[in-house]
Amino acid sequence: MNVRLAPSILSADFTRLGEQIAAVEAGGADWIHVDVMDGHFVPNLTIGPLIVEAARRATELPLDVHLMIEEPDRWVEAFVAAGASVVTVHVEACRHLHRTVHRIRELGARAGVALNPATPLEAVRGVAADLDLLLVMSVNPGFGGQSFIPASTDKVRRAREVLEEAASTAAVEVDGGVDAGNARELVRAGADVLVAGSAVYGHSDGPGAGVEAIRAALET
């Protein structure tokens, strides 16, 4: 299965960030997922462009930067300049989604749009043809370690249909509660990119083994 695994450094030990990124890269990670939260759009405060710059120095893997922030237009340029390969914004936070998506691409990054669990797929139909990535949130954003929302699997399936109807080549990404137990089912539903935080960085044998466990589950 040609599936990209994107460990989320939200669950990493930031005192050893370079080492933690190297561990998942050695384990077979394809992307590094970076969760940016502002304490307003979601009830948590995390990292900014400086951490993205540090991650960029630590790896040549694509940096998948997920902006869970209000007024993302104000920060897109800074995150691309810091080294983001993909910048994903939330449809719920963008007043002019089409303009934001095209601005990301103009800056040289791939453009993604994320949907919270309660947000219908109809919200992205107008930009589906312009996307490089459609992110289906399978937990309510804001904190790591949450349980997967079962209805998300069907939403992934319908997300794939929306993209196909728009003749879009965008990848479908899933973020939240992803682990070795549900990874294969999500890929069968149409997911191309799986984000995993706790399942990777909380693995008893280390983050590299966490990536390998999900990859092994996909190949069984």
N, C-alpha and C. Protein backbone atom coordinates (compact mmCIF):
# COMPACT_ATOMS: atom_id res chain seq x y z
N MET A 1 0.84 -1.20 0.00
CA MET A 1 0.00 0.00 0.00
C MET A 1 0.88 1.25 0.00
N ASN A 2 0.61 2.16 -0.92
CA ASN A 2 1.38 3.39 -1.02
C ASN A 2 0.79 4.44 -0.09
N VAL A 3 1.01 4.25 1.20
CA VAL A 3 0.45 5.14 2.22
C VAL A 3 1.58 5.87 2.91
N ARG A 4 1.39 7.16 3.10
CA ARG A 4 2.40 7.96 3.79
C ARG A 4 2.07 8.04 5.27
N LEU A 5 3.05 7.79 6.11
CA LEU A 5 2.89 7.89 7.56
C LEU A 5 3.54 9.19 8.02
N ALA A 6 2.77 9.96 8.79
CA ALA A 6 3.22 11.29 9.22
C ALA A 6 3.14 11.40 10.74
N PRO A 7 4.18 10.97 11.45
CA PRO A 7 4.17 11.10 12.91
C PRO A 7 4.03 12.56 13.34
N SER A 8 3.21 12.77 14.35
CA SER A 8 2.99 14.13 14.86
C SER A 8 3.95 14.42 16.01
N ILE A 9 4.74 15.45 15.86
CA ILE A 9 5.69 15.79 16.91
C ILE A 9 5.02 16.44 18.11
N LEU A 10 3.70 16.63 18.05
CA LEU A 10 2.98 17.12 19.23
C LEU A 10 3.21 16.18 20.41
N SER A 11 3.39 14.90 20.12
CA SER A 11 3.60 13.90 21.17
C SER A 11 5.07 13.61 21.46
N ALA A 12 5.96 14.33 20.78
CA ALA A 12 7.39 14.08 20.96
C ALA A 12 7.93 14.78 22.21
N ASP A 13 9.12 14.41 22.61
CA ASP A 13 9.84 15.08 23.70
C ASP A 13 10.61 16.24 23.08
N PHE A 14 10.16 17.46 23.33
CA PHE A 14 10.75 18.62 22.67
C PHE A 14 12.16 18.94 23.17
N THR A 15 12.55 18.36 24.28
CA THR A 15 13.93 18.56 24.72
C THR A 15 14.91 17.75 23.87
N ARG A 16 14.36 16.80 23.09
CA ARG A 16 15.18 15.96 22.21
C ARG A 16 14.57 15.92 20.81
N LEU A 17 14.12 17.07 20.34
CA LEU A 17 13.34 17.10 19.10
C LEU A 17 14.09 16.50 17.91
N GLY A 18 15.35 16.89 17.71
CA GLY A 18 16.10 16.34 16.59
C GLY A 18 16.21 14.84 16.65
N GLU A 19 16.49 14.33 17.83
CA GLU A 19 16.60 12.88 18.04
C GLU A 19 15.27 12.18 17.80
N GLN A 20 14.18 12.81 18.25
CA GLN A 20 12.86 12.22 18.11
C GLN A 20 12.43 12.18 16.64
N ILE A 21 12.78 13.20 15.89
CA ILE A 21 12.49 13.20 14.46
C ILE A 21 13.33 12.15 13.75
N ALA A 22 14.61 12.06 14.11
CA ALA A 22 15.50 11.07 13.50
C ALA A 22 14.99 9.65 13.76
N ALA A 23 14.42 9.42 14.93
CA ALA A 23 13.94 8.08 15.27
C ALA A 23 12.78 7.65 14.38
N VAL A 24 11.83 8.55 14.13
CA VAL A 24 10.70 8.16 13.27
C VAL A 24 11.14 8.08 11.81
N GLU A 25 12.11 8.90 11.44
CA GLU A 25 12.64 8.81 10.07
C GLU A 25 13.30 7.46 9.86
N ALA A 26 14.07 7.01 10.83
CA ALA A 26 14.72 5.70 10.75
C ALA A 26 13.68 4.57 10.73
N GLY A 27 12.54 4.81 11.39
CA GLY A 27 11.48 3.80 11.42
C GLY A 27 10.66 3.74 10.16
N GLY A 28 10.87 4.68 9.25
CA GLY A 28 10.16 4.65 7.98
C GLY A 28 9.10 5.71 7.79
N ALA A 29 9.13 6.78 8.59
CA ALA A 29 8.17 7.87 8.41
C ALA A 29 8.36 8.52 7.05
N ASP A 30 7.27 8.98 6.46
CA ASP A 30 7.31 9.64 5.16
C ASP A 30 7.27 11.16 5.28
N TRP A 31 6.48 11.65 6.22
CA TRP A 31 6.35 13.07 6.49
C TRP A 31 6.52 13.29 7.99
N ILE A 32 6.76 14.53 8.38
CA ILE A 32 6.70 14.92 9.79
C ILE A 32 5.54 15.89 9.95
N HIS A 33 4.61 15.55 10.81
CA HIS A 33 3.41 16.37 11.01
C HIS A 33 3.63 17.33 12.18
N VAL A 34 3.33 18.60 11.94
CA VAL A 34 3.57 19.64 12.94
C VAL A 34 2.24 20.32 13.27
N ASP A 35 1.77 20.14 14.49
CA ASP A 35 0.49 20.72 14.93
C ASP A 35 0.72 22.09 15.55
N VAL A 36 0.12 23.11 14.95
CA VAL A 36 0.24 24.48 15.44
C VAL A 36 -1.11 24.91 16.02
N MET A 37 -1.13 25.26 17.28
CA MET A 37 -2.36 25.65 17.98
C MET A 37 -2.17 26.99 18.67
N ASP A 38 -3.21 27.82 18.64
CA ASP A 38 -3.07 29.20 19.13
C ASP A 38 -3.77 29.50 20.44
N GLY A 39 -4.45 28.52 21.04
CA GLY A 39 -5.16 28.78 22.29
C GLY A 39 -6.47 29.52 22.09
N HIS A 40 -6.85 29.76 20.84
CA HIS A 40 -8.11 30.45 20.53
C HIS A 40 -9.00 29.55 19.67
N PHE A 41 -8.49 29.16 18.51
CA PHE A 41 -9.26 28.26 17.65
C PHE A 41 -9.44 26.92 18.33
N VAL A 42 -8.41 26.49 19.05
CA VAL A 42 -8.48 25.28 19.86
C VAL A 42 -7.97 25.60 21.26
N PRO A 43 -8.39 24.84 22.27
CA PRO A 43 -8.03 25.17 23.66
C PRO A 43 -6.65 24.67 24.06
N ASN A 44 -5.66 24.98 23.27
CA ASN A 44 -4.30 24.58 23.59
C ASN A 44 -3.36 25.51 22.86
N LEU A 45 -2.16 25.66 23.38
CA LEU A 45 -1.16 26.53 22.78
C LEU A 45 0.09 25.70 22.54
N THR A 46 0.56 25.69 21.28
CA THR A 46 1.72 24.85 21.00
C THR A 46 2.84 25.67 20.36
N ILE A 47 3.21 25.33 19.15
CA ILE A 47 4.46 25.82 18.60
C ILE A 47 4.26 26.83 17.48
N GLY A 48 5.36 27.51 17.14
CA GLY A 48 5.33 28.50 16.08
C GLY A 48 6.39 28.23 15.04
N PRO A 49 6.65 29.22 14.18
CA PRO A 49 7.62 29.03 13.09
C PRO A 49 9.02 28.62 13.54
N LEU A 50 9.45 29.03 14.73
CA LEU A 50 10.80 28.68 15.17
C LEU A 50 10.98 27.17 15.31
N ILE A 51 9.94 26.48 15.79
CA ILE A 51 10.03 25.02 15.91
C ILE A 51 10.01 24.38 14.53
N VAL A 52 9.25 24.95 13.61
CA VAL A 52 9.26 24.44 12.24
C VAL A 52 10.66 24.60 11.64
N GLU A 53 11.31 25.73 11.90
CA GLU A 53 12.68 25.92 11.43
C GLU A 53 13.62 24.87 12.02
N ALA A 54 13.43 24.56 13.30
CA ALA A 54 14.28 23.55 13.95
C ALA A 54 14.03 22.18 13.35
N ALA A 55 12.77 21.87 13.10
CA ALA A 55 12.44 20.58 12.48
C ALA A 55 13.02 20.50 11.07
N ARG A 56 12.98 21.61 10.36
CA ARG A 56 13.53 21.63 9.00
C ARG A 56 15.03 21.33 9.00
N ARG A 57 15.73 21.84 10.01
CA ARG A 57 17.16 21.56 10.12
C ARG A 57 17.43 20.11 10.48
N ALA A 58 16.46 19.46 11.11
CA ALA A 58 16.65 18.10 11.61
C ALA A 58 16.34 17.02 10.57
N THR A 59 15.63 17.38 9.49
CA THR A 59 15.22 16.36 8.52
C THR A 59 15.00 16.96 7.15
N GLU A 60 15.13 16.10 6.15
CA GLU A 60 14.78 16.50 4.79
C GLU A 60 13.40 15.99 4.39
N LEU A 61 12.73 15.28 5.30
CA LEU A 61 11.38 14.81 5.01
C LEU A 61 10.43 16.02 4.87
N PRO A 62 9.36 15.86 4.10
CA PRO A 62 8.36 16.94 4.01
C PRO A 62 7.78 17.27 5.39
N LEU A 63 7.65 18.56 5.67
CA LEU A 63 7.03 19.02 6.92
C LEU A 63 5.58 19.38 6.64
N ASP A 64 4.70 18.65 7.28
CA ASP A 64 3.26 18.75 7.09
C ASP A 64 2.71 19.61 8.23
N VAL A 65 2.54 20.91 7.97
CA VAL A 65 2.21 21.86 9.03
C VAL A 65 0.70 22.12 9.06
N HIS A 66 0.09 21.79 10.18
CA HIS A 66 -1.36 21.85 10.37
C HIS A 66 -1.68 23.05 11.26
N LEU A 67 -2.26 24.10 10.65
CA LEU A 67 -2.55 25.32 11.39
C LEU A 67 -3.95 25.28 12.01
N MET A 68 -3.99 24.97 13.29
CA MET A 68 -5.25 25.02 14.04
C MET A 68 -5.31 26.37 14.75
N ILE A 69 -5.45 27.42 13.92
CA ILE A 69 -5.35 28.79 14.43
C ILE A 69 -6.39 29.69 13.77
N GLU A 70 -6.74 30.75 14.46
CA GLU A 70 -7.59 31.77 13.87
C GLU A 70 -6.75 32.66 12.95
N GLU A 71 -7.39 33.23 11.97
CA GLU A 71 -6.73 34.12 11.01
C GLU A 71 -5.43 33.50 10.45
N PRO A 72 -5.51 32.33 9.89
CA PRO A 72 -4.30 31.67 9.40
C PRO A 72 -3.58 32.45 8.30
N ASP A 73 -4.32 33.29 7.57
CA ASP A 73 -3.68 34.08 6.50
C ASP A 73 -2.52 34.92 7.01
N ARG A 74 -2.60 35.34 8.26
CA ARG A 74 -1.55 36.18 8.83
C ARG A 74 -0.25 35.41 9.02
N TRP A 75 -0.31 34.09 9.05
CA TRP A 75 0.85 33.28 9.43
C TRP A 75 1.35 32.35 8.34
N VAL A 76 0.59 32.21 7.28
CA VAL A 76 0.97 31.27 6.22
C VAL A 76 2.37 31.55 5.69
N GLU A 77 2.66 32.78 5.38
CA GLU A 77 3.96 33.12 4.80
C GLU A 77 5.10 32.77 5.75
N ALA A 78 4.92 33.04 7.04
CA ALA A 78 5.96 32.75 8.02
C ALA A 78 6.25 31.26 8.12
N PHE A 79 5.21 30.45 8.05
CA PHE A 79 5.43 29.00 8.16
C PHE A 79 6.05 28.42 6.88
N VAL A 80 5.68 28.95 5.74
CA VAL A 80 6.33 28.49 4.51
C VAL A 80 7.80 28.90 4.53
N ALA A 81 8.06 30.12 4.96
CA ALA A 81 9.46 30.58 5.04
C ALA A 81 10.26 29.75 6.03
N ALA A 82 9.60 29.23 7.06
CA ALA A 82 10.28 28.41 8.07
C ALA A 82 10.60 27.01 7.58
N GLY A 83 9.97 26.61 6.47
CA GLY A 83 10.29 25.30 5.92
C GLY A 83 9.13 24.36 5.71
N ALA A 84 7.90 24.84 5.88
CA ALA A 84 6.74 23.97 5.68
C ALA A 84 6.65 23.52 4.23
N SER A 85 6.42 22.24 4.03
CA SER A 85 6.21 21.68 2.68
C SER A 85 4.73 21.68 2.33
N VAL A 86 3.91 21.39 3.32
CA VAL A 86 2.45 21.40 3.19
C VAL A 86 1.91 22.31 4.30
N VAL A 87 0.99 23.19 3.96
CA VAL A 87 0.34 24.01 4.96
C VAL A 87 -1.16 23.74 4.88
N THR A 88 -1.72 23.29 5.98
CA THR A 88 -3.15 22.97 6.04
C THR A 88 -3.85 23.94 6.97
N VAL A 89 -4.92 24.54 6.47
CA VAL A 89 -5.74 25.47 7.25
C VAL A 89 -7.11 24.85 7.47
N HIS A 90 -7.81 25.35 8.46
CA HIS A 90 -9.15 24.85 8.76
C HIS A 90 -10.20 25.66 8.04
N VAL A 91 -11.13 24.95 7.40
CA VAL A 91 -12.23 25.64 6.74
C VAL A 91 -13.00 26.51 7.73
N GLU A 92 -13.07 26.07 8.99
CA GLU A 92 -13.83 26.82 10.00
C GLU A 92 -13.16 28.14 10.37
N ALA A 93 -11.87 28.29 10.05
CA ALA A 93 -11.12 29.49 10.44
C ALA A 93 -10.88 30.45 9.28
N CYS A 94 -11.30 30.06 8.08
CA CYS A 94 -10.99 30.87 6.89
C CYS A 94 -12.24 31.55 6.33
N ARG A 95 -12.20 32.85 6.27
CA ARG A 95 -13.32 33.59 5.68
C ARG A 95 -13.30 33.51 4.17
N HIS A 96 -12.11 33.44 3.59
CA HIS A 96 -11.96 33.42 2.14
C HIS A 96 -11.07 32.24 1.78
N LEU A 97 -11.65 31.05 1.86
CA LEU A 97 -10.88 29.81 1.75
C LEU A 97 -10.16 29.69 0.41
N HIS A 98 -10.84 30.02 -0.67
CA HIS A 98 -10.24 29.93 -1.99
C HIS A 98 -8.97 30.78 -2.07
N ARG A 99 -9.04 31.99 -1.55
CA ARG A 99 -7.89 32.89 -1.58
C ARG A 99 -6.74 32.35 -0.73
N THR A 100 -7.06 31.80 0.43
CA THR A 100 -6.04 31.26 1.32
C THR A 100 -5.32 30.08 0.67
N VAL A 101 -6.10 29.17 0.07
CA VAL A 101 -5.52 28.01 -0.60
C VAL A 101 -4.56 28.45 -1.70
N HIS A 102 -4.98 29.40 -2.50
CA HIS A 102 -4.12 29.85 -3.59
C HIS A 102 -2.91 30.62 -3.09
N ARG A 103 -3.04 31.30 -1.98
CA ARG A 103 -1.89 32.00 -1.41
C ARG A 103 -0.82 31.00 -0.96
N ILE A 104 -1.23 29.92 -0.35
CA ILE A 104 -0.28 28.89 0.07
C ILE A 104 0.50 28.37 -1.13
N ARG A 105 -0.20 28.11 -2.20
CA ARG A 105 0.45 27.57 -3.40
C ARG A 105 1.37 28.61 -4.04
N GLU A 106 0.94 29.87 -4.04
CA GLU A 106 1.78 30.93 -4.59
C GLU A 106 3.11 31.03 -3.85
N LEU A 107 3.09 30.73 -2.56
CA LEU A 107 4.29 30.80 -1.74
C LEU A 107 5.21 29.59 -1.93
N GLY A 108 4.72 28.60 -2.65
CA GLY A 108 5.57 27.45 -2.98
C GLY A 108 5.33 26.20 -2.16
N ALA A 109 4.29 26.20 -1.32
CA ALA A 109 3.96 25.02 -0.53
C ALA A 109 2.72 24.34 -1.10
N ARG A 110 2.50 23.10 -0.70
CA ARG A 110 1.26 22.42 -1.05
C ARG A 110 0.17 22.88 -0.08
N ALA A 111 -1.06 22.95 -0.60
CA ALA A 111 -2.16 23.51 0.18
C ALA A 111 -3.13 22.43 0.64
N GLY A 112 -3.42 22.46 1.94
CA GLY A 112 -4.39 21.54 2.50
C GLY A 112 -5.50 22.26 3.23
N VAL A 113 -6.65 21.60 3.32
CA VAL A 113 -7.77 22.11 4.10
C VAL A 113 -8.24 21.01 5.04
N ALA A 114 -8.46 21.40 6.29
CA ALA A 114 -8.91 20.46 7.32
C ALA A 114 -10.36 20.70 7.70
N LEU A 115 -11.02 19.61 8.09
CA LEU A 115 -12.41 19.66 8.55
C LEU A 115 -12.51 19.07 9.95
N ASN A 116 -13.12 19.81 10.86
CA ASN A 116 -13.41 19.26 12.19
C ASN A 116 -14.46 18.16 12.07
N PRO A 117 -14.59 17.29 13.08
CA PRO A 117 -15.54 16.18 12.98
C PRO A 117 -16.97 16.58 12.65
N ALA A 118 -17.45 17.71 13.17
CA ALA A 118 -18.83 18.11 12.94
C ALA A 118 -19.04 18.92 11.67
N THR A 119 -17.95 19.23 10.95
CA THR A 119 -18.06 20.04 9.74
C THR A 119 -18.31 19.15 8.53
N PRO A 120 -19.38 19.42 7.77
CA PRO A 120 -19.69 18.57 6.63
C PRO A 120 -18.72 18.76 5.47
N LEU A 121 -18.59 17.74 4.66
CA LEU A 121 -17.70 17.79 3.50
C LEU A 121 -18.16 18.81 2.47
N GLU A 122 -19.42 19.17 2.51
CA GLU A 122 -19.94 20.18 1.59
C GLU A 122 -19.14 21.47 1.67
N ALA A 123 -18.53 21.73 2.82
CA ALA A 123 -17.79 22.97 3.05
C ALA A 123 -16.54 23.09 2.16
N VAL A 124 -16.07 21.99 1.61
CA VAL A 124 -14.86 22.06 0.79
C VAL A 124 -15.10 21.80 -0.69
N ARG A 125 -16.34 21.57 -1.07
CA ARG A 125 -16.60 21.27 -2.48
C ARG A 125 -16.12 22.39 -3.40
N GLY A 126 -16.26 23.63 -2.97
CA GLY A 126 -15.89 24.76 -3.80
C GLY A 126 -14.40 24.89 -4.07
N VAL A 127 -13.57 24.23 -3.25
CA VAL A 127 -12.12 24.33 -3.44
C VAL A 127 -11.48 22.96 -3.68
N ALA A 128 -12.29 21.93 -3.77
CA ALA A 128 -11.74 20.56 -3.87
C ALA A 128 -10.76 20.41 -5.03
N ALA A 129 -11.05 21.04 -6.16
CA ALA A 129 -10.19 20.92 -7.33
C ALA A 129 -8.85 21.63 -7.15
N ASP A 130 -8.77 22.53 -6.17
CA ASP A 130 -7.56 23.33 -5.95
C ASP A 130 -6.65 22.77 -4.86
N LEU A 131 -7.07 21.70 -4.22
CA LEU A 131 -6.34 21.21 -3.05
C LEU A 131 -5.25 20.21 -3.40
N ASP A 132 -4.24 20.18 -2.55
CA ASP A 132 -3.23 19.12 -2.58
C ASP A 132 -3.49 18.10 -1.47
N LEU A 133 -4.28 18.51 -0.47
CA LEU A 133 -4.52 17.66 0.70
C LEU A 133 -5.87 18.01 1.32
N LEU A 134 -6.64 17.00 1.67
CA LEU A 134 -7.88 17.18 2.42
C LEU A 134 -7.74 16.39 3.71
N LEU A 135 -7.74 17.10 4.83
CA LEU A 135 -7.50 16.48 6.14
C LEU A 135 -8.82 16.28 6.88
N VAL A 136 -9.12 15.04 7.17
CA VAL A 136 -10.30 14.68 7.96
C VAL A 136 -9.87 14.51 9.41
N MET A 137 -10.35 15.38 10.28
CA MET A 137 -10.05 15.25 11.71
C MET A 137 -10.91 14.14 12.30
N SER A 138 -10.26 13.17 12.92
CA SER A 138 -10.98 12.04 13.52
C SER A 138 -11.03 12.14 15.04
N VAL A 139 -10.66 13.31 15.55
CA VAL A 139 -10.92 13.73 16.94
C VAL A 139 -11.21 15.23 16.87
N ASN A 140 -11.75 15.78 17.94
CA ASN A 140 -11.90 17.22 18.01
C ASN A 140 -10.53 17.81 18.32
N PRO A 141 -10.06 18.74 17.49
CA PRO A 141 -8.67 19.19 17.60
C PRO A 141 -8.38 19.95 18.89
N GLY A 142 -7.13 19.87 19.31
CA GLY A 142 -6.70 20.63 20.47
C GLY A 142 -5.75 19.89 21.39
N PHE A 143 -5.89 18.57 21.45
CA PHE A 143 -5.04 17.79 22.36
C PHE A 143 -4.68 16.45 21.73
N GLY A 144 -3.50 15.96 22.03
CA GLY A 144 -3.10 14.64 21.60
C GLY A 144 -3.69 13.57 22.51
N GLY A 145 -3.63 12.33 22.06
CA GLY A 145 -4.05 11.21 22.89
C GLY A 145 -5.53 10.95 22.97
N GLN A 146 -6.34 11.60 22.12
CA GLN A 146 -7.78 11.39 22.17
C GLN A 146 -8.17 10.12 21.43
N SER A 147 -9.39 9.63 21.74
CA SER A 147 -9.88 8.41 21.10
C SER A 147 -10.46 8.72 19.73
N PHE A 148 -10.22 7.83 18.81
CA PHE A 148 -10.71 7.93 17.45
C PHE A 148 -12.24 7.95 17.42
N ILE A 149 -12.82 8.86 16.63
CA ILE A 149 -14.27 8.93 16.46
C ILE A 149 -14.66 7.96 15.34
N PRO A 150 -15.39 6.88 15.63
CA PRO A 150 -15.66 5.83 14.64
C PRO A 150 -16.30 6.32 13.34
N ALA A 151 -17.16 7.33 13.42
CA ALA A 151 -17.84 7.83 12.22
C ALA A 151 -16.86 8.44 11.22
N SER A 152 -15.62 8.67 11.65
CA SER A 152 -14.63 9.29 10.77
C SER A 152 -14.28 8.39 9.58
N THR A 153 -14.38 7.08 9.76
CA THR A 153 -14.03 6.17 8.67
C THR A 153 -14.95 6.40 7.47
N ASP A 154 -16.23 6.53 7.72
CA ASP A 154 -17.17 6.79 6.63
C ASP A 154 -16.92 8.17 6.04
N LYS A 155 -16.53 9.13 6.86
CA LYS A 155 -16.24 10.47 6.35
C LYS A 155 -15.04 10.44 5.42
N VAL A 156 -14.06 9.63 5.73
CA VAL A 156 -12.90 9.46 4.84
C VAL A 156 -13.38 8.92 3.49
N ARG A 157 -14.26 7.96 3.52
CA ARG A 157 -14.78 7.37 2.28
C ARG A 157 -15.50 8.44 1.44
N ARG A 158 -16.30 9.24 2.11
CA ARG A 158 -17.03 10.29 1.40
C ARG A 158 -16.11 11.41 0.94
N ALA A 159 -15.04 11.66 1.69
CA ALA A 159 -14.05 12.66 1.27
C ALA A 159 -13.40 12.24 -0.04
N ARG A 160 -13.08 10.97 -0.16
CA ARG A 160 -12.51 10.47 -1.39
C ARG A 160 -13.47 10.68 -2.56
N GLU A 161 -14.75 10.46 -2.32
CA GLU A 161 -15.76 10.64 -3.36
C GLU A 161 -15.86 12.10 -3.79
N VAL A 162 -15.81 13.01 -2.83
CA VAL A 162 -15.88 14.45 -3.14
C VAL A 162 -14.71 14.85 -4.03
N LEU A 163 -13.52 14.36 -3.71
CA LEU A 163 -12.34 14.69 -4.51
C LEU A 163 -12.44 14.10 -5.90
N GLU A 164 -12.91 12.88 -5.99
CA GLU A 164 -13.04 12.24 -7.31
C GLU A 164 -14.05 12.96 -8.17
N GLU A 165 -15.14 13.43 -7.57
CA GLU A 165 -16.16 14.18 -8.31
C GLU A 165 -15.59 15.48 -8.86
N ALA A 166 -14.61 16.05 -8.14
CA ALA A 166 -14.00 17.30 -8.58
C ALA A 166 -12.78 17.07 -9.46
N ALA A 167 -12.52 15.81 -9.80
CA ALA A 167 -11.33 15.43 -10.56
C ALA A 167 -10.06 15.94 -9.89
N SER A 168 -10.06 15.92 -8.55
CA SER A 168 -8.93 16.39 -7.76
C SER A 168 -7.95 15.27 -7.49
N THR A 169 -6.67 15.59 -7.53
CA THR A 169 -5.63 14.61 -7.21
C THR A 169 -5.16 14.73 -5.76
N ALA A 170 -5.88 15.51 -4.96
CA ALA A 170 -5.49 15.73 -3.57
C ALA A 170 -5.46 14.43 -2.77
N ALA A 171 -4.55 14.37 -1.83
CA ALA A 171 -4.47 13.24 -0.91
C ALA A 171 -5.47 13.42 0.22
N VAL A 172 -5.97 12.32 0.74
CA VAL A 172 -6.83 12.35 1.93
C VAL A 172 -5.99 11.97 3.14
N GLU A 173 -5.96 12.86 4.11
CA GLU A 173 -5.19 12.64 5.33
C GLU A 173 -6.15 12.47 6.50
N VAL A 174 -5.77 11.64 7.47
CA VAL A 174 -6.57 11.43 8.68
C VAL A 174 -5.70 11.72 9.89
N ASP A 175 -6.27 12.48 10.83
CA ASP A 175 -5.51 12.90 12.01
C ASP A 175 -6.38 12.78 13.25
N GLY A 176 -5.92 11.95 14.20
CA GLY A 176 -6.60 11.84 15.48
C GLY A 176 -6.92 10.41 15.86
N GLY A 177 -6.22 9.88 16.84
CA GLY A 177 -6.51 8.53 17.32
C GLY A 177 -6.13 7.43 16.36
N VAL A 178 -5.26 7.74 15.40
CA VAL A 178 -4.83 6.73 14.43
C VAL A 178 -3.78 5.82 15.06
N ASP A 179 -3.94 4.52 14.87
CA ASP A 179 -2.98 3.56 15.42
C ASP A 179 -2.97 2.30 14.56
N ALA A 180 -2.22 1.31 15.00
CA ALA A 180 -2.11 0.07 14.24
C ALA A 180 -3.45 -0.66 14.14
N GLY A 181 -4.36 -0.38 15.06
CA GLY A 181 -5.64 -1.07 15.06
C GLY A 181 -6.64 -0.57 14.03
N ASN A 182 -6.53 0.69 13.63
CA ASN A 182 -7.51 1.22 12.67
C ASN A 182 -6.88 1.69 11.36
N ALA A 183 -5.56 1.62 11.25
CA ALA A 183 -4.87 2.15 10.07
C ALA A 183 -5.33 1.49 8.77
N ARG A 184 -5.40 0.17 8.77
CA ARG A 184 -5.75 -0.55 7.54
C ARG A 184 -7.17 -0.20 7.09
N GLU A 185 -8.09 -0.13 8.02
CA GLU A 185 -9.48 0.21 7.67
C GLU A 185 -9.57 1.61 7.07
N LEU A 186 -8.78 2.55 7.61
CA LEU A 186 -8.79 3.92 7.10
C LEU A 186 -8.24 3.97 5.68
N VAL A 187 -7.21 3.21 5.42
CA VAL A 187 -6.65 3.18 4.07
C VAL A 187 -7.64 2.55 3.10
N ARG A 188 -8.30 1.51 3.53
CA ARG A 188 -9.33 0.90 2.67
C ARG A 188 -10.45 1.88 2.36
N ALA A 189 -10.73 2.79 3.30
CA ALA A 189 -11.78 3.78 3.10
C ALA A 189 -11.32 4.90 2.15
N GLY A 190 -10.01 5.01 1.93
CA GLY A 190 -9.53 6.02 0.99
C GLY A 190 -8.44 6.93 1.49
N ALA A 191 -7.92 6.69 2.68
CA ALA A 191 -6.87 7.55 3.23
C ALA A 191 -5.53 7.28 2.54
N ASP A 192 -4.82 8.38 2.27
CA ASP A 192 -3.48 8.29 1.67
C ASP A 192 -2.38 8.62 2.67
N VAL A 193 -2.72 9.45 3.67
CA VAL A 193 -1.75 9.91 4.67
C VAL A 193 -2.34 9.70 6.05
N LEU A 194 -1.59 9.05 6.93
CA LEU A 194 -2.05 8.80 8.29
C LEU A 194 -1.15 9.55 9.27
N VAL A 195 -1.77 10.40 10.09
CA VAL A 195 -1.06 11.11 11.14
C VAL A 195 -1.21 10.33 12.44
N ALA A 196 -0.12 10.07 13.11
CA ALA A 196 -0.18 9.36 14.39
C ALA A 196 0.78 10.01 15.36
N GLY A 197 0.28 10.32 16.54
CA GLY A 197 1.11 10.95 17.56
C GLY A 197 1.41 10.02 18.71
N SER A 198 0.41 9.79 19.56
CA SER A 198 0.59 8.94 20.74
C SER A 198 0.97 7.52 20.37
N ALA A 199 0.39 7.00 19.29
CA ALA A 199 0.68 5.62 18.89
C ALA A 199 2.13 5.44 18.47
N VAL A 200 2.76 6.54 18.04
CA VAL A 200 4.16 6.50 17.64
C VAL A 200 5.07 6.85 18.81
N TYR A 201 4.88 8.04 19.36
CA TYR A 201 5.79 8.51 20.40
C TYR A 201 5.52 7.90 21.77
N GLY A 202 4.37 7.23 21.91
CA GLY A 202 4.09 6.54 23.16
C GLY A 202 4.36 5.05 23.09
N HIS A 203 4.91 4.58 21.99
CA HIS A 203 5.16 3.15 21.83
C HIS A 203 6.22 2.69 22.83
N SER A 204 5.99 1.53 23.40
CA SER A 204 6.88 1.03 24.47
C SER A 204 8.31 0.79 24.00
N ASP A 205 8.48 0.53 22.71
CA ASP A 205 9.82 0.28 22.18
C ASP A 205 10.40 1.49 21.46
N GLY A 206 9.78 2.64 21.63
CA GLY A 206 10.30 3.87 21.04
C GLY A 206 9.55 4.27 19.78
N PRO A 207 9.71 5.53 19.36
CA PRO A 207 8.95 6.05 18.23
C PRO A 207 9.21 5.35 16.90
N GLY A 208 10.44 4.92 16.68
CA GLY A 208 10.72 4.20 15.44
C GLY A 208 9.89 2.94 15.35
N ALA A 209 9.80 2.23 16.47
CA ALA A 209 8.99 1.01 16.51
C ALA A 209 7.52 1.32 16.34
N GLY A 210 7.09 2.49 16.81
CA GLY A 210 5.71 2.91 16.64
C GLY A 210 5.33 3.06 15.18
N VAL A 211 6.24 3.66 14.41
CA VAL A 211 6.01 3.79 12.96
C VAL A 211 6.00 2.41 12.32
N GLU A 212 6.94 1.58 12.69
CA GLU A 212 7.02 0.24 12.11
C GLU A 212 5.78 -0.60 12.40
N ALA A 213 5.19 -0.40 13.59
CA ALA A 213 3.99 -1.16 13.96
C ALA A 213 2.80 -0.80 13.07
N ILE A 214 2.66 0.49 12.78
CA ILE A 214 1.56 0.91 11.90
C ILE A 214 1.81 0.41 10.48
N ARG A 215 3.04 0.50 10.02
CA ARG A 215 3.37 0.02 8.68
C ARG A 215 3.11 -1.48 8.58
N ALA A 216 3.47 -2.22 9.62
CA ALA A 216 3.24 -3.67 9.61
C ALA A 216 1.76 -3.99 9.57
N ALA A 217 0.95 -3.20 10.27
CA ALA A 217 -0.50 -3.42 10.27
C ALA A 217 -1.09 -3.20 8.88
N LEU A 218 -0.51 -2.27 8.13
CA LEU A 218 -1.00 -2.00 6.78
C LEU A 218 -0.66 -3.13 5.81
N GLU A 219 0.37 -3.86 6.14
CA GLU A 219 0.86 -4.89 5.21
C GLU A 219 0.34 -6.29 5.53
N THR A 220 -0.45 -6.42 6.58
CA THR A 220 -0.99 -7.74 6.96
C THR A 220 -2.23 -8.07 6.16
